[in-house]
């Protein structure tokens, strides 16, 4: 594949589309029927291929090795990557890592960037975002029971989270916890804190079954318990009470990218349906798509 001229966005999209169709689509029949963890060695090879094509982390600023795309541009890229369930992971712009990358770039200290951001940028580790709780509606991020209490130079975290996507195999979690319980404004009660997953007191209870599939590794949604989980106060992201603000910064753009990803897989499903209708024959020379009912379904 030829290199893409700078500022030539249509060529970039064409390059991504070509890579997916030539090198990723052919893997799906075998790959998508196996647990995600079993695919990691082969997917690592493809990720190196993406790096070689200079398509790695396209959503990030150029100073972090990305392509510096605007939100509207990355929305179109996300649509292309969404045409295959493997797309975003191969380009290192999968949720929740994509959101965590942006949060760390904007709010992390130099030490936090060295320890957590840069390995994530390089694709050496994965992360998760731990906010939703079983006792409260996930749509209300101002209402949670998980607490982070100051004790000396540490925070001691206690709480119960679930649907923490990709916690299985993640190196660290960004945890939403109440640090200011007496704050009268609910949007300023919680903070975001980095918790390495090998910290004592961090425990994955299970991967939650979604539509009958528990998943594994990146493709999973975990129930997590924090039991006297102690981390240094320097793991705080931003300032105390800014958890909701930081969450809004990541979730707004994230929703756009998610929607475009779904558009991408829907477009491909529609194309596959039309192709099947055009080429599947009911009898010689009579394609499935010649039936009015099928035409009505497609329309």
C-alpha atoms as a PDB file:
ATOM      1  CA  UNK A   1       0.000   0.000   0.000  1.00  0.00           C
ATOM      2  CA  UNK A   2       1.234   3.502  -0.835  1.00  0.00           C
ATOM      3  CA  UNK A   3       1.759   6.131   1.827  1.00  0.00           C
ATOM      4  CA  UNK A   4      -0.959   8.722   2.317  1.00  0.00           C
ATOM      5  CA  UNK A   5      -0.116  12.339   1.438  1.00  0.00           C
ATOM      6  CA  UNK A   6      -0.426  14.634   4.434  1.00  0.00           C
ATOM      7  CA  UNK A   7      -3.838  16.285   4.756  1.00  0.00           C
ATOM      8  CA  UNK A   8      -5.329  13.908   2.177  1.00  0.00           C
ATOM      9  CA  UNK A   9      -8.166  12.498   4.230  1.00  0.00           C
ATOM     10  CA  UNK A  10      -9.957  10.612   1.413  1.00  0.00           C
ATOM     11  CA  UNK A  11      -6.709   8.754   0.689  1.00  0.00           C
ATOM     12  CA  UNK A  12      -6.406   7.888   4.375  1.00  0.00           C
ATOM     13  CA  UNK A  13      -9.895   6.398   4.404  1.00  0.00           C
ATOM     14  CA  UNK A  14      -9.137   4.437   1.243  1.00  0.00           C
ATOM     15  CA  UNK A  15      -5.927   3.088   2.778  1.00  0.00           C
ATOM     16  CA  UNK A  16      -7.746   1.948   5.923  1.00  0.00           C
ATOM     17  CA  UNK A  17     -10.562   0.427   3.882  1.00  0.00           C
ATOM     18  CA  UNK A  18      -8.098  -1.454   1.698  1.00  0.00           C
ATOM     19  CA  UNK A  19      -6.192  -2.839   4.681  1.00  0.00           C
ATOM     20  CA  UNK A  20      -9.381  -4.070   6.347  1.00  0.00           C
ATOM     21  CA  UNK A  21     -10.694  -5.764   3.211  1.00  0.00           C
ATOM     22  CA  UNK A  22      -7.385  -7.306   2.171  1.00  0.00           C
ATOM     23  CA  UNK A  23      -5.915  -8.318   5.503  1.00  0.00           C
ATOM     24  CA  UNK A  24      -8.637  -8.389   8.170  1.00  0.00           C
ATOM     25  CA  UNK A  25     -11.921  -9.528   6.614  1.00  0.00           C
ATOM     26  CA  UNK A  26     -10.357 -12.858   5.541  1.00  0.00           C
ATOM     27  CA  UNK A  27      -9.510 -13.620   9.187  1.00  0.00           C
ATOM     28  CA  UNK A  28     -13.010 -13.177  10.552  1.00  0.00           C
ATOM     29  CA  UNK A  29     -14.484 -16.621   9.837  1.00  0.00           C
ATOM     30  CA  UNK A  30     -11.768 -18.275  11.901  1.00  0.00           C
ATOM     31  CA  UNK A  31     -11.158 -15.570  14.470  1.00  0.00           C
ATOM     32  CA  UNK A  32     -14.679 -14.583  15.494  1.00  0.00           C
ATOM     33  CA  UNK A  33     -15.577 -18.128  16.505  1.00  0.00           C
ATOM     34  CA  UNK A  34     -12.746 -18.335  19.080  1.00  0.00           C
ATOM     35  CA  UNK A  35     -12.204 -16.731  22.506  1.00  0.00           C
ATOM     36  CA  UNK A  36     -10.520 -13.358  22.150  1.00  0.00           C
ATOM     37  CA  UNK A  37      -7.600 -14.363  24.365  1.00  0.00           C
ATOM     38  CA  UNK A  38      -6.626 -17.082  21.891  1.00  0.00           C
ATOM     39  CA  UNK A  39      -6.357 -14.491  19.117  1.00  0.00           C
ATOM     40  CA  UNK A  40      -3.867 -12.186  20.837  1.00  0.00           C
ATOM     41  CA  UNK A  41      -0.661 -13.535  19.216  1.00  0.00           C
ATOM     42  CA  UNK A  42      -2.088 -13.261  15.698  1.00  0.00           C
ATOM     43  CA  UNK A  43      -3.699  -9.893  16.413  1.00  0.00           C
ATOM     44  CA  UNK A  44      -0.377  -8.596  17.733  1.00  0.00           C
ATOM     45  CA  UNK A  45       1.155  -9.297  14.323  1.00  0.00           C
ATOM     46  CA  UNK A  46      -1.598  -7.331  12.614  1.00  0.00           C
ATOM     47  CA  UNK A  47      -1.158  -4.458  15.063  1.00  0.00           C
ATOM     48  CA  UNK A  48       2.509  -4.281  14.086  1.00  0.00           C
ATOM     49  CA  UNK A  49       1.376  -4.168  10.478  1.00  0.00           C
ATOM     50  CA  UNK A  50      -0.884  -1.188  11.292  1.00  0.00           C
ATOM     51  CA  UNK A  51       2.087   0.568  12.907  1.00  0.00           C
ATOM     52  CA  UNK A  52       4.199  -0.089   9.818  1.00  0.00           C
ATOM     53  CA  UNK A  53       1.478   1.506   7.672  1.00  0.00           C
ATOM     54  CA  UNK A  54       1.563   4.571   9.969  1.00  0.00           C
ATOM     55  CA  UNK A  55      -2.103   4.162  10.859  1.00  0.00           C
ATOM     56  CA  UNK A  56      -1.630   3.503  14.586  1.00  0.00           C
ATOM     57  CA  UNK A  57      -3.812   5.423  17.092  1.00  0.00           C
ATOM     58  CA  UNK A  58      -5.183   7.774  14.402  1.00  0.00           C
ATOM     59  CA  UNK A  59      -7.274   9.661  16.963  1.00  0.00           C
ATOM     60  CA  UNK A  60      -4.285  10.892  18.995  1.00  0.00           C
ATOM     61  CA  UNK A  61      -2.306  14.120  18.527  1.00  0.00           C
ATOM     62  CA  UNK A  62       0.779  13.802  16.363  1.00  0.00           C
ATOM     63  CA  UNK A  63       3.088  14.403  19.323  1.00  0.00           C
ATOM     64  CA  UNK A  64       1.839  11.092  20.740  1.00  0.00           C
ATOM     65  CA  UNK A  65       2.299   9.203  17.498  1.00  0.00           C
ATOM     66  CA  UNK A  66      -1.231   9.643  16.167  1.00  0.00           C
ATOM     67  CA  UNK A  67      -2.541  11.291  13.032  1.00  0.00           C
ATOM     68  CA  UNK A  68      -4.023  14.315  14.783  1.00  0.00           C
ATOM     69  CA  UNK A  69      -7.489  13.773  13.319  1.00  0.00           C
ATOM     70  CA  UNK A  70     -10.375  16.058  14.201  1.00  0.00           C
ATOM     71  CA  UNK A  71     -13.424  14.492  15.857  1.00  0.00           C
ATOM     72  CA  UNK A  72     -15.400  14.636  12.607  1.00  0.00           C
ATOM     73  CA  UNK A  73     -12.546  12.953  10.741  1.00  0.00           C
ATOM     74  CA  UNK A  74     -12.096  10.220  13.299  1.00  0.00           C
ATOM     75  CA  UNK A  75     -15.849   9.628  13.241  1.00  0.00           C
ATOM     76  CA  UNK A  76     -15.472   8.611   9.583  1.00  0.00           C
ATOM     77  CA  UNK A  77     -12.439   6.476  10.429  1.00  0.00           C
ATOM     78  CA  UNK A  78     -14.454   4.836  13.208  1.00  0.00           C
ATOM     79  CA  UNK A  79     -17.184   4.052  10.693  1.00  0.00           C
ATOM     80  CA  UNK A  80     -14.639   2.270   8.479  1.00  0.00           C
ATOM     81  CA  UNK A  81     -13.068   0.399  11.390  1.00  0.00           C
ATOM     82  CA  UNK A  82     -16.523  -0.571  12.596  1.00  0.00           C
ATOM     83  CA  UNK A  83     -17.029  -2.693   9.484  1.00  0.00           C
ATOM     84  CA  UNK A  84     -15.246  -5.501  11.346  1.00  0.00           C
ATOM     85  CA  UNK A  85     -15.332  -6.361  15.074  1.00  0.00           C
ATOM     86  CA  UNK A  86     -11.528  -6.483  14.968  1.00  0.00           C
ATOM     87  CA  UNK A  87     -10.996  -3.025  13.466  1.00  0.00           C
ATOM     88  CA  UNK A  88     -10.715  -0.684  16.435  1.00  0.00           C
ATOM     89  CA  UNK A  89      -8.556  -3.062  18.449  1.00  0.00           C
ATOM     90  CA  UNK A  90      -6.072  -3.492  15.611  1.00  0.00           C
ATOM     91  CA  UNK A  91      -5.664   0.294  15.319  1.00  0.00           C
ATOM     92  CA  UNK A  92      -5.394   0.828  19.103  1.00  0.00           C
ATOM     93  CA  UNK A  93      -8.439   3.053  19.232  1.00  0.00           C
ATOM     94  CA  UNK A  94     -10.827   0.647  20.945  1.00  0.00           C
ATOM     95  CA  UNK A  95     -13.004   1.603  23.886  1.00  0.00           C
ATOM     96  CA  UNK A  96     -12.335   2.029  26.752  1.00  0.00           C
ATOM     97  CA  UNK A  97      -8.657   2.627  25.956  1.00  0.00           C
ATOM     98  CA  UNK A  98      -9.427   5.407  23.476  1.00  0.00           C
ATOM     99  CA  UNK A  99     -11.239   7.421  26.130  1.00  0.00           C
ATOM    100  CA  UNK A 100      -8.606   6.684  28.757  1.00  0.00           C
ATOM    101  CA  UNK A 101      -5.878   7.850  26.384  1.00  0.00           C
ATOM    102  CA  UNK A 102      -7.614  11.186  25.900  1.00  0.00           C
ATOM    103  CA  UNK A 103      -8.201  11.622  29.631  1.00  0.00           C
ATOM    104  CA  UNK A 104      -4.571  10.846  30.447  1.00  0.00           C
ATOM    105  CA  UNK A 105      -3.269  13.215  27.783  1.00  0.00           C
ATOM    106  CA  UNK A 106      -5.422  16.023  29.162  1.00  0.00           C
ATOM    107  CA  UNK A 107      -5.250  15.440  32.930  1.00  0.00           C
ATOM    108  CA  UNK A 108      -2.356  13.134  33.847  1.00  0.00           C
ATOM    109  CA  UNK A 109       0.770  14.366  35.605  1.00  0.00           C
ATOM    110  CA  UNK A 110       4.141  13.791  33.928  1.00  0.00           C
ATOM    111  CA  UNK A 111       4.688  10.776  36.192  1.00  0.00           C
ATOM    112  CA  UNK A 112       1.261   9.349  35.358  1.00  0.00           C
ATOM    113  CA  UNK A 113       1.919   9.814  31.648  1.00  0.00           C
ATOM    114  CA  UNK A 114       5.188   7.920  31.921  1.00  0.00           C
ATOM    115  CA  UNK A 115       3.673   5.059  33.923  1.00  0.00           C
ATOM    116  CA  UNK A 116       0.270   4.698  32.271  1.00  0.00           C
ATOM    117  CA  UNK A 117      -0.198   6.814  29.145  1.00  0.00           C
ATOM    118  CA  UNK A 118       2.894   5.919  27.138  1.00  0.00           C
ATOM    119  CA  UNK A 119       2.580   2.110  27.519  1.00  0.00           C
ATOM    120  CA  UNK A 120      -1.056   2.492  26.466  1.00  0.00           C
ATOM    121  CA  UNK A 121      -0.085   4.565  23.433  1.00  0.00           C
ATOM    122  CA  UNK A 122       2.428   1.905  22.401  1.00  0.00           C
ATOM    123  CA  UNK A 123      -0.159  -0.854  22.775  1.00  0.00           C
ATOM    124  CA  UNK A 124       1.875  -2.650  25.422  1.00  0.00           C
ATOM    125  CA  UNK A 125      -0.980  -2.693  27.946  1.00  0.00           C
ATOM    126  CA  UNK A 126      -4.747  -2.262  28.088  1.00  0.00           C
ATOM    127  CA  UNK A 127      -6.901  -0.387  30.564  1.00  0.00           C
ATOM    128  CA  UNK A 128     -10.494  -0.165  31.754  1.00  0.00           C
ATOM    129  CA  UNK A 129     -12.896   2.489  33.032  1.00  0.00           C
ATOM    130  CA  UNK A 130     -14.753   1.554  36.213  1.00  0.00           C
ATOM    131  CA  UNK A 131     -17.833   3.681  36.861  1.00  0.00           C
ATOM    132  CA  UNK A 132     -21.144   1.761  36.625  1.00  0.00           C
ATOM    133  CA  UNK A 133     -22.414   0.099  39.807  1.00  0.00           C
ATOM    134  CA  UNK A 134     -25.062  -2.624  40.223  1.00  0.00           C
ATOM    135  CA  UNK A 135     -26.803  -0.711  43.005  1.00  0.00           C
ATOM    136  CA  UNK A 136     -27.348   2.449  40.918  1.00  0.00           C
ATOM    137  CA  UNK A 137     -28.379   3.308  37.334  1.00  0.00           C
ATOM    138  CA  UNK A 138     -25.349   3.566  35.083  1.00  0.00           C
ATOM    139  CA  UNK A 139     -26.943   6.533  33.318  1.00  0.00           C
ATOM    140  CA  UNK A 140     -26.486   8.679  36.455  1.00  0.00           C
ATOM    141  CA  UNK A 141     -22.753   9.153  37.105  1.00  0.00           C
ATOM    142  CA  UNK A 142     -23.445  11.485  40.047  1.00  0.00           C
ATOM    143  CA  UNK A 143     -24.966   8.675  42.134  1.00  0.00           C
ATOM    144  CA  UNK A 144     -22.558   6.000  43.310  1.00  0.00           C
ATOM    145  CA  UNK A 145     -21.521   4.253  46.494  1.00  0.00           C
ATOM    146  CA  UNK A 146     -17.851   3.526  45.809  1.00  0.00           C
ATOM    147  CA  UNK A 147     -15.703   5.669  48.084  1.00  0.00           C
ATOM    148  CA  UNK A 148     -12.065   6.746  48.145  1.00  0.00           C
ATOM    149  CA  UNK A 149     -11.058   7.896  51.633  1.00  0.00           C
ATOM    150  CA  UNK A 150      -7.777   9.680  52.367  1.00  0.00           C
ATOM    151  CA  UNK A 151      -5.525   7.784  54.765  1.00  0.00           C
ATOM    152  CA  UNK A 152      -2.073   9.247  55.191  1.00  0.00           C
ATOM    153  CA  UNK A 153      -0.643   9.635  51.674  1.00  0.00           C
ATOM    154  CA  UNK A 154      -3.050   7.094  50.183  1.00  0.00           C
ATOM    155  CA  UNK A 155      -6.634   6.662  49.088  1.00  0.00           C
ATOM    156  CA  UNK A 156      -8.438   3.589  50.384  1.00  0.00           C
ATOM    157  CA  UNK A 157     -11.093   2.545  47.889  1.00  0.00           C
ATOM    158  CA  UNK A 158     -14.128   0.413  48.719  1.00  0.00           C
ATOM    159  CA  UNK A 159     -16.953  -0.323  46.341  1.00  0.00           C
ATOM    160  CA  UNK A 160     -18.660  -2.562  43.843  1.00  0.00           C
ATOM    161  CA  UNK A 161     -18.632  -2.005  40.066  1.00  0.00           C
ATOM    162  CA  UNK A 162     -19.902  -3.959  37.114  1.00  0.00           C
ATOM    163  CA  UNK A 163     -19.905  -3.840  33.303  1.00  0.00           C
ATOM    164  CA  UNK A 164     -16.322  -2.603  33.625  1.00  0.00           C
ATOM    165  CA  UNK A 165     -15.516  -3.302  29.995  1.00  0.00           C
ATOM    166  CA  UNK A 166     -12.172  -4.997  29.243  1.00  0.00           C
ATOM    167  CA  UNK A 167     -11.110  -5.271  32.903  1.00  0.00           C
ATOM    168  CA  UNK A 168     -10.089  -8.876  32.237  1.00  0.00           C
ATOM    169  CA  UNK A 169      -6.412  -8.566  31.310  1.00  0.00           C
ATOM    170  CA  UNK A 170      -6.198  -4.791  31.849  1.00  0.00           C
ATOM    171  CA  UNK A 171      -3.092  -3.342  33.503  1.00  0.00           C
ATOM    172  CA  UNK A 172      -4.937  -0.529  35.254  1.00  0.00           C
ATOM    173  CA  UNK A 173      -8.388   0.900  35.866  1.00  0.00           C
ATOM    174  CA  UNK A 174      -9.544   4.492  36.003  1.00  0.00           C
ATOM    175  CA  UNK A 175     -12.039   4.386  38.847  1.00  0.00           C
ATOM    176  CA  UNK A 176     -14.843   6.805  39.640  1.00  0.00           C
ATOM    177  CA  UNK A 177     -15.215   7.062  43.425  1.00  0.00           C
ATOM    178  CA  UNK A 178     -16.744   9.503  45.886  1.00  0.00           C
ATOM    179  CA  UNK A 179     -14.010  11.540  47.563  1.00  0.00           C
ATOM    180  CA  UNK A 180     -16.149  14.456  48.791  1.00  0.00           C
ATOM    181  CA  UNK A 181     -19.316  12.925  50.299  1.00  0.00           C
ATOM    182  CA  UNK A 182     -20.324  16.166  52.057  1.00  0.00           C
ATOM    183  CA  UNK A 183     -20.104  18.285  48.904  1.00  0.00           C
ATOM    184  CA  UNK A 184     -23.602  19.783  48.354  1.00  0.00           C
ATOM    185  CA  UNK A 185     -23.224  19.773  44.575  1.00  0.00           C
ATOM    186  CA  UNK A 186     -23.603  16.155  43.361  1.00  0.00           C
ATOM    187  CA  UNK A 187     -21.457  16.780  40.282  1.00  0.00           C
ATOM    188  CA  UNK A 188     -18.459  17.537  42.513  1.00  0.00           C
ATOM    189  CA  UNK A 189     -18.600  14.555  44.867  1.00  0.00           C
ATOM    190  CA  UNK A 190     -16.569  12.066  42.823  1.00  0.00           C
ATOM    191  CA  UNK A 191     -13.022  11.894  41.516  1.00  0.00           C
ATOM    192  CA  UNK A 192     -11.145   9.681  39.071  1.00  0.00           C
ATOM    193  CA  UNK A 193      -8.252   7.620  40.416  1.00  0.00           C
ATOM    194  CA  UNK A 194      -5.824   5.301  38.627  1.00  0.00           C
ATOM    195  CA  UNK A 195      -5.760   1.821  40.157  1.00  0.00           C
ATOM    196  CA  UNK A 196      -3.282  -0.793  38.871  1.00  0.00           C
ATOM    197  CA  UNK A 197      -5.150  -4.081  38.634  1.00  0.00           C
ATOM    198  CA  UNK A 198      -2.450  -5.904  40.601  1.00  0.00           C
ATOM    199  CA  UNK A 199      -3.216  -3.715  43.632  1.00  0.00           C
ATOM    200  CA  UNK A 200      -4.251  -5.695  46.710  1.00  0.00           C
ATOM    201  CA  UNK A 201      -8.006  -5.395  47.110  1.00  0.00           C
ATOM    202  CA  UNK A 202      -8.798  -5.154  43.390  1.00  0.00           C
ATOM    203  CA  UNK A 203     -10.760  -8.275  42.491  1.00  0.00           C
ATOM    204  CA  UNK A 204     -12.566  -9.338  39.337  1.00  0.00           C
ATOM    205  CA  UNK A 205     -15.579 -11.365  40.450  1.00  0.00           C
ATOM    206  CA  UNK A 206     -16.586 -12.570  36.997  1.00  0.00           C
ATOM    207  CA  UNK A 207     -17.059 -11.643  33.381  1.00  0.00           C
ATOM    208  CA  UNK A 208     -20.743 -10.853  32.982  1.00  0.00           C
ATOM    209  CA  UNK A 209     -22.619 -12.800  30.342  1.00  0.00           C
ATOM    210  CA  UNK A 210     -23.890 -10.523  27.567  1.00  0.00           C
ATOM    211  CA  UNK A 211     -26.364 -12.193  25.195  1.00  0.00           C
ATOM    212  CA  UNK A 212     -25.091 -15.566  26.429  1.00  0.00           C
ATOM    213  CA  UNK A 213     -21.377 -14.839  25.985  1.00  0.00           C
ATOM    214  CA  UNK A 214     -19.071 -14.105  28.925  1.00  0.00           C
ATOM    215  CA  UNK A 215     -16.214 -13.149  26.611  1.00  0.00           C
ATOM    216  CA  UNK A 216     -12.563 -12.931  27.612  1.00  0.00           C
ATOM    217  CA  UNK A 217      -9.757 -10.415  27.788  1.00  0.00           C
ATOM    218  CA  UNK A 218     -10.569  -7.235  25.836  1.00  0.00           C
ATOM    219  CA  UNK A 219     -13.941  -8.608  24.682  1.00  0.00           C
ATOM    220  CA  UNK A 220     -15.522  -8.828  28.136  1.00  0.00           C
ATOM    221  CA  UNK A 221     -17.457  -6.879  30.756  1.00  0.00           C
ATOM    222  CA  UNK A 222     -16.439  -7.549  34.340  1.00  0.00           C
ATOM    223  CA  UNK A 223     -17.917  -7.289  37.800  1.00  0.00           C
ATOM    224  CA  UNK A 224     -15.218  -5.786  40.026  1.00  0.00           C
ATOM    225  CA  UNK A 225     -14.952  -5.391  43.789  1.00  0.00           C
ATOM    226  CA  UNK A 226     -12.657  -2.932  45.551  1.00  0.00           C
ATOM    227  CA  UNK A 227     -11.926  -4.050  49.102  1.00  0.00           C
ATOM    228  CA  UNK A 228      -9.664  -1.722  51.101  1.00  0.00           C
ATOM    229  CA  UNK A 229      -7.849  -1.105  47.838  1.00  0.00           C
ATOM    230  CA  UNK A 230      -5.006   1.258  48.707  1.00  0.00           C
ATOM    231  CA  UNK A 231      -3.324   3.500  46.109  1.00  0.00           C
ATOM    232  CA  UNK A 232      -1.177   6.636  46.554  1.00  0.00           C
ATOM    233  CA  UNK A 233      -2.899  10.000  46.334  1.00  0.00           C
ATOM    234  CA  UNK A 234      -0.615  10.867  43.423  1.00  0.00           C
ATOM    235  CA  UNK A 235      -2.797   8.486  41.371  1.00  0.00           C
ATOM    236  CA  UNK A 236      -5.587  11.090  41.406  1.00  0.00           C
ATOM    237  CA  UNK A 237      -6.463  12.339  37.922  1.00  0.00           C
ATOM    238  CA  UNK A 238      -6.916  16.083  37.850  1.00  0.00           C
ATOM    239  CA  UNK A 239      -8.259  17.531  41.097  1.00  0.00           C
ATOM    240  CA  UNK A 240     -10.615  16.097  43.680  1.00  0.00           C
ATOM    241  CA  UNK A 241     -14.232  16.532  42.704  1.00  0.00           C
ATOM    242  CA  UNK A 242     -13.534  16.664  38.960  1.00  0.00           C
ATOM    243  CA  UNK A 243     -14.592  13.074  38.259  1.00  0.00           C
ATOM    244  CA  UNK A 244     -17.892  14.004  36.627  1.00  0.00           C
ATOM    245  CA  UNK A 245     -16.289  16.751  34.527  1.00  0.00           C
ATOM    246  CA  UNK A 246     -13.579  14.401  33.265  1.00  0.00           C
ATOM    247  CA  UNK A 247     -16.168  11.710  32.566  1.00  0.00           C
ATOM    248  CA  UNK A 248     -18.164  14.130  30.435  1.00  0.00           C
ATOM    249  CA  UNK A 249     -15.041  15.046  28.478  1.00  0.00           C
ATOM    250  CA  UNK A 250     -14.498  11.417  27.472  1.00  0.00           C
ATOM    251  CA  UNK A 251     -18.095  10.248  27.120  1.00  0.00           C
ATOM    252  CA  UNK A 252     -19.248  12.978  24.736  1.00  0.00           C
ATOM    253  CA  UNK A 253     -16.804  12.218  21.910  1.00  0.00           C
ATOM    254  CA  UNK A 254     -16.942   8.531  22.823  1.00  0.00           C
ATOM    255  CA  UNK A 255     -20.665   8.337  22.082  1.00  0.00           C
ATOM    256  CA  UNK A 256     -20.082   9.767  18.613  1.00  0.00           C
ATOM    257  CA  UNK A 257     -17.368   7.206  17.899  1.00  0.00           C
ATOM    258  CA  UNK A 258     -19.515   4.353  19.216  1.00  0.00           C
ATOM    259  CA  UNK A 259     -22.423   5.399  17.006  1.00  0.00           C
ATOM    260  CA  UNK A 260     -20.202   5.612  13.936  1.00  0.00           C
ATOM    261  CA  UNK A 261     -18.782   2.171  14.746  1.00  0.00           C
ATOM    262  CA  UNK A 262     -22.317   0.775  14.807  1.00  0.00           C
ATOM    263  CA  UNK A 263     -23.099   2.539  11.528  1.00  0.00           C
ATOM    264  CA  UNK A 264     -20.056   0.814  10.024  1.00  0.00           C
ATOM    265  CA  UNK A 265     -21.080  -2.700  11.030  1.00  0.00           C
ATOM    266  CA  UNK A 266     -24.695  -2.033   9.966  1.00  0.00           C
ATOM    267  CA  UNK A 267     -23.546  -0.845   6.535  1.00  0.00           C
ATOM    268  CA  UNK A 268     -21.475  -3.961   6.066  1.00  0.00           C
ATOM    269  CA  UNK A 269     -24.334  -6.199   7.199  1.00  0.00           C
ATOM    270  CA  UNK A 270     -26.617  -4.466   4.710  1.00  0.00           C
ATOM    271  CA  UNK A 271     -24.071  -4.927   1.902  1.00  0.00           C
ATOM    272  CA  UNK A 272     -23.735  -8.613   2.752  1.00  0.00           C
ATOM    273  CA  UNK A 273     -27.509  -9.011   2.722  1.00  0.00           C
ATOM    274  CA  UNK A 274     -27.796  -7.399  -0.713  1.00  0.00           C
ATOM    275  CA  UNK A 275     -24.951  -9.490  -2.072  1.00  0.00           C
ATOM    276  CA  UNK A 276     -26.574 -12.677  -0.787  1.00  0.00           C
ATOM    277  CA  UNK A 277     -29.917 -11.704  -2.292  1.00  0.00           C
ATOM    278  CA  UNK A 278     -28.292 -10.992  -5.653  1.00  0.00           C
ATOM    279  CA  UNK A 279     -26.197 -14.149  -5.896  1.00  0.00           C
ATOM    280  CA  UNK A 280     -28.117 -16.827  -4.002  1.00  0.00           C
ATOM    281  CA  UNK A 281     -30.228 -18.653  -6.560  1.00  0.00           C
ATOM    282  CA  UNK A 282     -33.531 -20.355  -5.836  1.00  0.00           C
ATOM    283  CA  UNK A 283     -33.221 -22.092  -9.178  1.00  0.00           C
ATOM    284  CA  UNK A 284     -30.847 -21.558 -12.127  1.00  0.00           C
ATOM    285  CA  UNK A 285     -30.993 -17.905 -13.142  1.00  0.00           C
ATOM    286  CA  UNK A 286     -33.527 -16.978 -10.412  1.00  0.00           C
ATOM    287  CA  UNK A 287     -31.816 -15.061  -7.568  1.00  0.00           C
ATOM    288  CA  UNK A 288     -33.315 -14.710  -4.127  1.00  0.00           C
ATOM    289  CA  UNK A 289     -33.555 -10.970  -4.700  1.00  0.00           C
ATOM    290  CA  UNK A 290     -36.088 -11.487  -7.501  1.00  0.00           C
ATOM    291  CA  UNK A 291     -38.787 -12.155  -4.889  1.00  0.00           C
ATOM    292  CA  UNK A 292     -40.903  -9.162  -3.949  1.00  0.00           C
ATOM    293  CA  UNK A 293     -40.897 -10.063  -0.264  1.00  0.00           C
ATOM    294  CA  UNK A 294     -37.091 -10.077  -0.184  1.00  0.00           C
ATOM    295  CA  UNK A 295     -37.023  -6.785  -2.068  1.00  0.00           C
ATOM    296  CA  UNK A 296     -39.422  -5.327   0.482  1.00  0.00           C
ATOM    297  CA  UNK A 297     -37.235  -6.510   3.354  1.00  0.00           C
ATOM    298  CA  UNK A 298     -34.187  -4.889   1.777  1.00  0.00           C
ATOM    299  CA  UNK A 299     -36.055  -1.678   0.995  1.00  0.00           C
END
